[in-house]
Amino acid sequence: MIIKKIIIFLVFLFIISSTLITFDISNDQSLKKNSVKNQDSDYVVEPKNGNNDIYHSSYRSNAKIYSDIFLNVENETQIVEKVYGGIVPHHFLASDLIAKFFKKIESQSDMETVVLVGPNHFNVGFYGVLTSEAYWSTPFGDIEPDLGVIGALTEGGFVQIDEKPFQSEHSISTITPFIKKTFPDAKIVPIIIKNTVSYDVLEEIAKKIEEHDSDKVLMIASVDFSHFLPFEDSQIEDSRSIKEIQSFNLDRIYDLKVDSPSSIYVLLSYLKLKEAQKLIFSERSNSVLISDMSDNQETVGYFIGHFGK
């Protein structure tokens, strides 16, 4: 009787294990681009040349939404100096501010690669720093991954490829249409980072990118500033964060009230290597100012900044 129960239990375990394995394989295959939809259900991307490249979708897929946003900033003055890096928010509420960041540098259209660094919001994946080899579908066309830079990062062992987290990571997907519209021919290196990653690893990542890049690389930290603070407190914290960032005080970055200190740390480390530590232009805002919220007790701070020499 006992042996019979054991056999039944083992058969049950086998069935459960087979089901989980099948589900996992199916989930992996869903990344393959037979067709990809995002939250705008009318947008479907067909396979590129009939191959099985992996694709991720931008946060929104309606081109008119982005075109209208850019119309709001069409009279922005262009930055003349060469921009090597910058900071943008990733809440779509701040889309006008994001568009302003890109509009001000659209004349630097020879950009070959955009390294986009943001938080791993859901702390998913087994590694602290993740990247993707996928194409990115946007309403303005697809963005190709820069496999050269991605390969250099993964060879060092500090960055691992994991596609699944990028399916739901808005710190990347919010920004990709702005990149494609502004720099149509640029490739992308998306990186998401957990806030537990050490300084040494982040500095090595900055070095790897600096060693591999040219002056036609732009690094962007996709970071929102203070979260869920009353408006007055948010203003204080954001002012402190901006001051420390502008001063390149790397030893204080992890104390800042931003959603990804590690992304800021990588950006500033890279800019130091490029000797591009001049904040050329900056602007800040807050969710309560953008949305006309009557409740100003839980707000989010936003900041854009362009860095050059």
Protein backbone atom coordinates (compact mmCIF):
# COMPACT_ATOMS: atom_id res chain seq x y z
CA MET A 1 0.00 0.00 0.00
CA ILE A 2 2.84 2.39 0.89
CA ILE A 3 4.71 1.54 -2.32
CA LYS A 4 1.55 2.25 -4.34
CA LYS A 5 1.18 5.69 -2.70
CA ILE A 6 4.82 6.48 -3.42
CA ILE A 7 4.39 5.53 -7.07
CA ILE A 8 1.25 7.70 -7.36
CA PHE A 9 3.09 10.61 -5.74
CA LEU A 10 6.07 10.26 -8.12
CA VAL A 11 3.75 10.15 -11.14
CA PHE A 12 2.03 13.30 -9.85
CA LEU A 13 5.40 15.09 -9.51
CA PHE A 14 6.35 14.04 -13.04
CA ILE A 15 3.12 15.46 -14.47
CA ILE A 16 3.56 18.79 -12.62
CA SER A 17 7.22 19.09 -13.70
CA SER A 18 6.35 18.36 -17.34
CA THR A 19 3.63 21.01 -17.26
CA LEU A 20 5.98 23.66 -15.83
CA ILE A 21 8.70 22.87 -18.34
CA THR A 22 6.23 23.09 -21.21
CA PHE A 23 4.93 26.42 -19.91
CA ASP A 24 8.46 27.83 -19.59
CA ILE A 25 9.38 26.77 -23.12
CA SER A 26 6.14 28.26 -24.41
CA ASN A 27 6.85 31.50 -22.55
CA ASP A 28 10.34 31.71 -24.05
CA GLN A 29 8.95 31.12 -27.51
CA SER A 30 6.49 33.98 -27.01
CA LEU A 31 9.47 36.32 -27.22
CA LYS A 32 10.08 35.19 -30.79
CA LYS A 33 8.56 37.62 -33.20
CA ASN A 34 5.70 36.01 -35.02
CA SER A 35 3.80 39.13 -34.03
CA VAL A 36 4.19 41.49 -31.12
CA LYS A 37 1.45 43.60 -29.56
CA ASN A 38 1.68 46.22 -26.89
CA GLN A 39 -1.11 47.99 -25.03
CA ASP A 40 -2.30 49.71 -28.22
CA SER A 41 -4.11 46.73 -29.67
CA ASP A 42 -4.22 48.08 -33.23
CA TYR A 43 -0.45 47.86 -33.59
CA VAL A 44 1.11 44.61 -34.76
CA VAL A 45 4.68 44.20 -35.97
CA GLU A 46 5.30 41.54 -38.59
CA PRO A 47 8.46 39.38 -38.67
CA LYS A 48 11.53 41.15 -40.00
CA ASN A 49 12.58 39.39 -43.20
CA GLY A 50 10.84 36.27 -41.98
CA ASN A 51 13.45 35.54 -39.31
CA ASN A 52 13.06 34.70 -35.64
CA ASP A 53 14.74 37.72 -34.07
CA ILE A 54 13.53 38.65 -30.62
CA TYR A 55 11.52 41.87 -30.41
CA HIS A 56 10.21 44.04 -27.60
CA SER A 57 7.55 46.72 -27.98
CA SER A 58 7.61 50.37 -27.02
CA TYR A 59 5.31 51.53 -24.23
CA ARG A 60 2.87 53.12 -26.68
CA SER A 61 2.56 52.37 -30.38
CA ASN A 62 0.37 55.15 -31.76
CA ALA A 63 2.62 57.45 -33.80
CA LYS A 64 0.20 60.36 -33.53
CA ILE A 65 0.56 60.42 -29.75
CA TYR A 66 4.29 61.02 -30.03
CA SER A 67 4.02 63.37 -33.00
CA ASP A 68 1.59 65.54 -31.01
CA ILE A 69 3.96 65.52 -28.04
CA PHE A 70 6.82 66.72 -30.23
CA LEU A 71 4.60 69.48 -31.62
CA ASN A 72 4.40 70.85 -28.08
CA VAL A 73 8.18 71.40 -28.08
CA GLU A 74 8.81 72.21 -31.75
CA ASN A 75 10.18 75.68 -30.97
CA GLU A 76 12.86 74.47 -28.57
CA THR A 77 16.32 75.95 -29.13
CA GLN A 78 18.93 73.44 -30.25
CA ILE A 79 21.95 72.74 -28.07
CA VAL A 80 25.04 73.63 -30.09
CA GLU A 81 27.61 71.83 -27.92
CA LYS A 82 28.22 68.13 -28.35
CA VAL A 83 26.09 66.18 -25.84
CA TYR A 84 27.59 62.95 -24.48
CA GLY A 85 24.93 61.97 -21.99
CA GLY A 86 21.81 63.00 -20.16
CA ILE A 87 18.98 62.24 -17.78
CA VAL A 88 15.30 61.84 -18.66
CA PRO A 89 12.23 60.68 -16.72
CA HIS A 90 10.32 57.59 -17.80
CA HIS A 91 6.82 58.29 -16.48
CA PHE A 92 4.71 58.92 -19.58
CA LEU A 93 3.03 61.72 -17.62
CA ALA A 94 6.28 63.63 -18.19
CA SER A 95 6.27 62.95 -21.96
CA ASP A 96 6.55 66.65 -22.88
CA LEU A 97 9.68 66.90 -20.77
CA ILE A 98 11.13 63.77 -22.39
CA ALA A 99 10.36 65.20 -25.84
CA LYS A 100 12.07 68.46 -24.90
CA PHE A 101 15.24 66.55 -23.97
CA PHE A 102 15.36 64.91 -27.40
CA LYS A 103 14.16 67.91 -29.38
CA LYS A 104 17.05 70.00 -28.08
CA ILE A 105 19.59 67.56 -29.53
CA GLU A 106 17.89 66.42 -32.73
CA SER A 107 20.47 68.35 -34.78
CA GLN A 108 23.06 65.85 -33.51
CA SER A 109 21.43 63.32 -35.80
CA ASP A 110 24.62 61.41 -36.61
CA MET A 111 24.31 59.54 -33.30
CA GLU A 112 25.17 55.88 -33.93
CA THR A 113 24.31 54.28 -30.59
CA VAL A 114 22.16 55.20 -27.61
CA VAL A 115 23.03 53.44 -24.35
CA LEU A 116 19.81 53.59 -22.33
CA VAL A 117 20.24 52.80 -18.63
CA GLY A 118 17.32 52.47 -16.24
CA PRO A 119 16.09 50.74 -13.10
CA ASN A 120 15.01 47.13 -12.90
CA HIS A 121 11.71 48.18 -11.34
CA PHE A 122 10.56 44.69 -10.42
CA ASN A 123 13.98 43.32 -9.40
CA VAL A 124 13.51 40.37 -11.73
CA GLY A 125 16.22 38.13 -13.11
CA PHE A 126 19.14 36.42 -11.41
CA TYR A 127 21.73 39.12 -12.08
CA GLY A 128 22.18 42.71 -10.96
CA VAL A 129 22.76 44.18 -14.41
CA LEU A 130 20.83 42.97 -17.46
CA THR A 131 20.81 43.79 -21.14
CA SER A 132 18.89 42.67 -24.22
CA GLU A 133 19.83 41.64 -27.75
CA ALA A 134 16.30 42.30 -29.02
CA TYR A 135 15.06 44.70 -31.64
CA TRP A 136 12.64 47.33 -30.32
CA SER A 137 9.39 47.93 -32.17
CA THR A 138 8.26 51.57 -32.14
CA PRO A 139 5.60 53.48 -34.10
CA PHE A 140 8.43 55.05 -36.12
CA GLY A 141 10.13 51.78 -37.01
CA ASP A 142 12.40 49.23 -35.38
CA ILE A 143 15.55 49.96 -33.40
CA GLU A 144 18.40 47.53 -33.92
CA PRO A 145 20.51 46.41 -30.94
CA ASP A 146 24.20 47.34 -31.01
CA LEU A 147 25.54 43.82 -30.64
CA GLY A 148 29.13 45.05 -30.64
CA VAL A 149 28.74 47.07 -27.45
CA ILE A 150 26.42 44.48 -25.91
CA GLY A 151 28.98 41.76 -26.62
CA ALA A 152 31.76 43.79 -25.01
CA LEU A 153 29.64 44.23 -21.87
CA THR A 154 28.65 40.58 -21.55
CA GLU A 155 32.18 39.32 -22.21
CA GLY A 156 33.32 41.13 -19.09
CA GLY A 157 30.88 39.08 -17.01
CA PHE A 158 29.34 42.08 -15.29
CA VAL A 159 26.28 42.21 -17.53
CA GLN A 160 24.03 39.29 -18.47
CA ILE A 161 21.47 38.90 -21.26
CA ASP A 162 17.94 38.21 -20.04
CA GLU A 163 15.05 39.12 -22.32
CA LYS A 164 12.08 38.49 -20.04
CA PRO A 165 12.48 41.50 -17.71
CA PHE A 166 12.47 43.85 -20.70
CA GLN A 167 8.95 42.81 -21.67
CA SER A 168 7.51 44.89 -18.84
CA GLU A 169 10.25 47.39 -18.06
CA HIS A 170 8.88 50.86 -18.78
CA SER A 171 12.15 52.65 -17.99
CA ILE A 172 13.25 51.38 -21.41
CA SER A 173 10.02 50.98 -23.39
CA THR A 174 8.80 54.52 -22.63
CA ILE A 175 11.93 56.06 -24.17
CA THR A 176 12.46 53.95 -27.30
CA PRO A 177 10.00 55.86 -29.57
CA PHE A 178 11.66 59.17 -28.66
CA ILE A 179 15.03 57.66 -29.61
CA LYS A 180 13.79 56.33 -32.95
CA LYS A 181 12.05 59.58 -33.92
CA THR A 182 15.08 61.71 -33.03
CA PHE A 183 17.89 59.40 -34.19
CA PRO A 184 16.34 57.20 -36.92
CA ASP A 185 19.55 55.30 -37.69
CA ALA A 186 20.86 54.84 -34.16
CA LYS A 187 21.20 51.43 -32.52
CA ILE A 188 20.38 50.75 -28.87
CA VAL A 189 22.06 49.20 -25.85
CA PRO A 190 19.37 48.84 -23.15
CA ILE A 191 20.59 48.19 -19.61
CA ILE A 192 18.54 47.75 -16.45
CA ILE A 193 20.15 47.71 -13.02
CA LYS A 194 19.15 46.71 -9.53
CA ASN A 195 20.06 49.17 -6.79
CA THR A 196 22.09 46.52 -4.96
CA VAL A 197 24.90 46.52 -7.55
CA SER A 198 28.29 47.62 -6.22
CA TYR A 199 30.19 50.74 -7.26
CA ASP A 200 33.00 48.62 -8.72
CA VAL A 201 30.69 46.81 -11.12
CA LEU A 202 29.03 50.05 -12.26
CA GLU A 203 32.43 51.64 -12.88
CA GLU A 204 33.55 48.63 -14.92
CA ILE A 205 30.43 48.92 -17.06
CA ALA A 206 31.16 52.61 -17.69
CA LYS A 207 34.74 51.73 -18.65
CA LYS A 208 33.66 48.99 -21.04
CA ILE A 209 31.29 51.35 -22.84
CA GLU A 210 33.87 54.15 -22.97
CA GLU A 211 36.52 51.79 -24.35
CA HIS A 212 34.22 50.56 -27.08
CA ASP A 213 32.45 53.73 -28.11
CA SER A 214 33.12 56.75 -30.28
CA ASP A 215 31.92 60.33 -30.06
CA LYS A 216 28.73 59.17 -31.74
CA VAL A 217 27.46 57.40 -28.61
CA LEU A 218 24.90 58.96 -26.28
CA MET A 219 24.30 57.54 -22.79
CA ILE A 220 20.95 58.31 -21.20
CA ALA A 221 19.91 57.55 -17.62
CA SER A 222 16.15 56.93 -17.56
CA VAL A 223 15.37 57.97 -14.01
CA ASP A 224 12.47 59.52 -12.11
CA PHE A 225 13.35 61.63 -9.10
CA SER A 226 11.64 61.80 -5.68
CA HIS A 227 8.63 59.53 -5.20
CA PHE A 228 5.45 59.88 -3.14
CA LEU A 229 6.52 62.94 -1.16
CA PRO A 230 4.50 66.08 -0.47
CA PHE A 231 5.27 68.72 -3.09
CA GLU A 232 7.39 70.90 -0.79
CA ASP A 233 9.49 67.94 0.39
CA SER A 234 9.85 66.73 -3.18
CA GLN A 235 11.24 70.10 -4.23
CA ILE A 236 13.83 69.98 -1.45
CA GLU A 237 14.94 66.44 -2.24
CA ASP A 238 15.10 67.05 -5.98
CA SER A 239 17.18 70.20 -5.46
CA ARG A 240 19.63 68.19 -3.36
CA SER A 241 19.79 65.44 -5.99
CA ILE A 242 20.42 67.91 -8.80
CA LYS A 243 23.18 69.60 -6.80
CA GLU A 244 24.99 66.31 -6.10
CA ILE A 245 24.62 65.18 -9.72
CA GLN A 246 25.89 68.49 -11.09
CA SER A 247 28.86 68.29 -8.73
CA PHE A 248 29.58 64.66 -9.72
CA ASN A 249 29.65 63.58 -6.07
CA LEU A 250 29.66 59.86 -6.82
CA ASP A 251 30.05 58.85 -3.19
CA ARG A 252 26.66 60.47 -2.40
CA ILE A 253 24.64 59.22 -5.36
CA TYR A 254 23.22 56.22 -3.52
CA ASP A 255 21.79 58.56 -0.87
CA LEU A 256 19.65 60.44 -3.37
CA LYS A 257 15.87 60.16 -3.48
CA VAL A 258 15.70 58.92 -7.07
CA ASP A 259 14.33 55.62 -8.33
CA SER A 260 17.66 54.42 -9.75
CA PRO A 261 20.81 55.76 -8.10
CA SER A 262 22.75 53.00 -9.86
CA SER A 263 21.73 54.32 -13.30
CA ILE A 264 22.86 57.83 -12.32
CA TYR A 265 26.13 56.37 -11.02
CA VAL A 266 26.89 54.61 -14.32
CA LEU A 267 26.07 57.75 -16.30
CA LEU A 268 28.28 60.03 -14.19
CA SER A 269 31.13 57.50 -14.20
CA TYR A 270 30.94 57.35 -17.99
CA LEU A 271 30.80 61.14 -18.33
CA LYS A 272 33.86 61.50 -16.11
CA LEU A 273 35.76 59.16 -18.41
CA LYS A 274 34.62 61.23 -21.40
CA GLU A 275 35.57 64.45 -19.54
CA ALA A 276 32.04 65.67 -20.22
CA GLN A 277 31.05 67.01 -16.80
CA LYS A 278 29.38 70.26 -17.83
CA LEU A 279 25.62 70.44 -17.32
CA ILE A 280 24.64 72.35 -20.47
CA PHE A 281 20.89 72.49 -19.99
CA SER A 282 18.48 71.29 -17.34
CA GLU A 283 14.84 71.57 -16.40
CA ARG A 284 12.75 70.08 -13.64
CA SER A 285 9.09 69.47 -12.98
CA ASN A 286 6.73 67.53 -10.77
CA SER A 287 3.67 65.35 -11.28
CA VAL A 288 1.46 67.81 -9.42
CA LEU A 289 2.47 70.60 -11.79
CA ILE A 290 1.87 68.53 -14.91
CA SER A 291 -1.39 66.89 -13.94
CA ASP A 292 -2.99 69.78 -11.97
CA MET A 293 -3.60 67.36 -9.12
CA SER A 294 -5.49 68.76 -6.19
CA ASP A 295 -3.73 66.32 -3.83
CA ASN A 296 -0.08 67.34 -3.59
CA GLN A 297 0.88 64.92 -0.83
CA GLU A 298 2.19 62.10 -3.04
CA THR A 299 4.12 63.51 -5.96
CA VAL A 300 6.92 62.43 -8.28
CA GLY A 301 9.81 64.66 -9.33
CA TYR A 302 11.13 64.85 -12.90
CA PHE A 303 14.39 66.18 -14.32
CA ILE A 304 16.11 66.44 -17.70
CA GLY A 305 19.75 67.35 -18.14
CA HIS A 306 22.26 67.38 -21.01
CA PHE A 307 25.99 66.95 -20.33
CA GLY A 308 28.91 68.03 -22.50
CA LYS A 309 32.46 69.35 -22.24
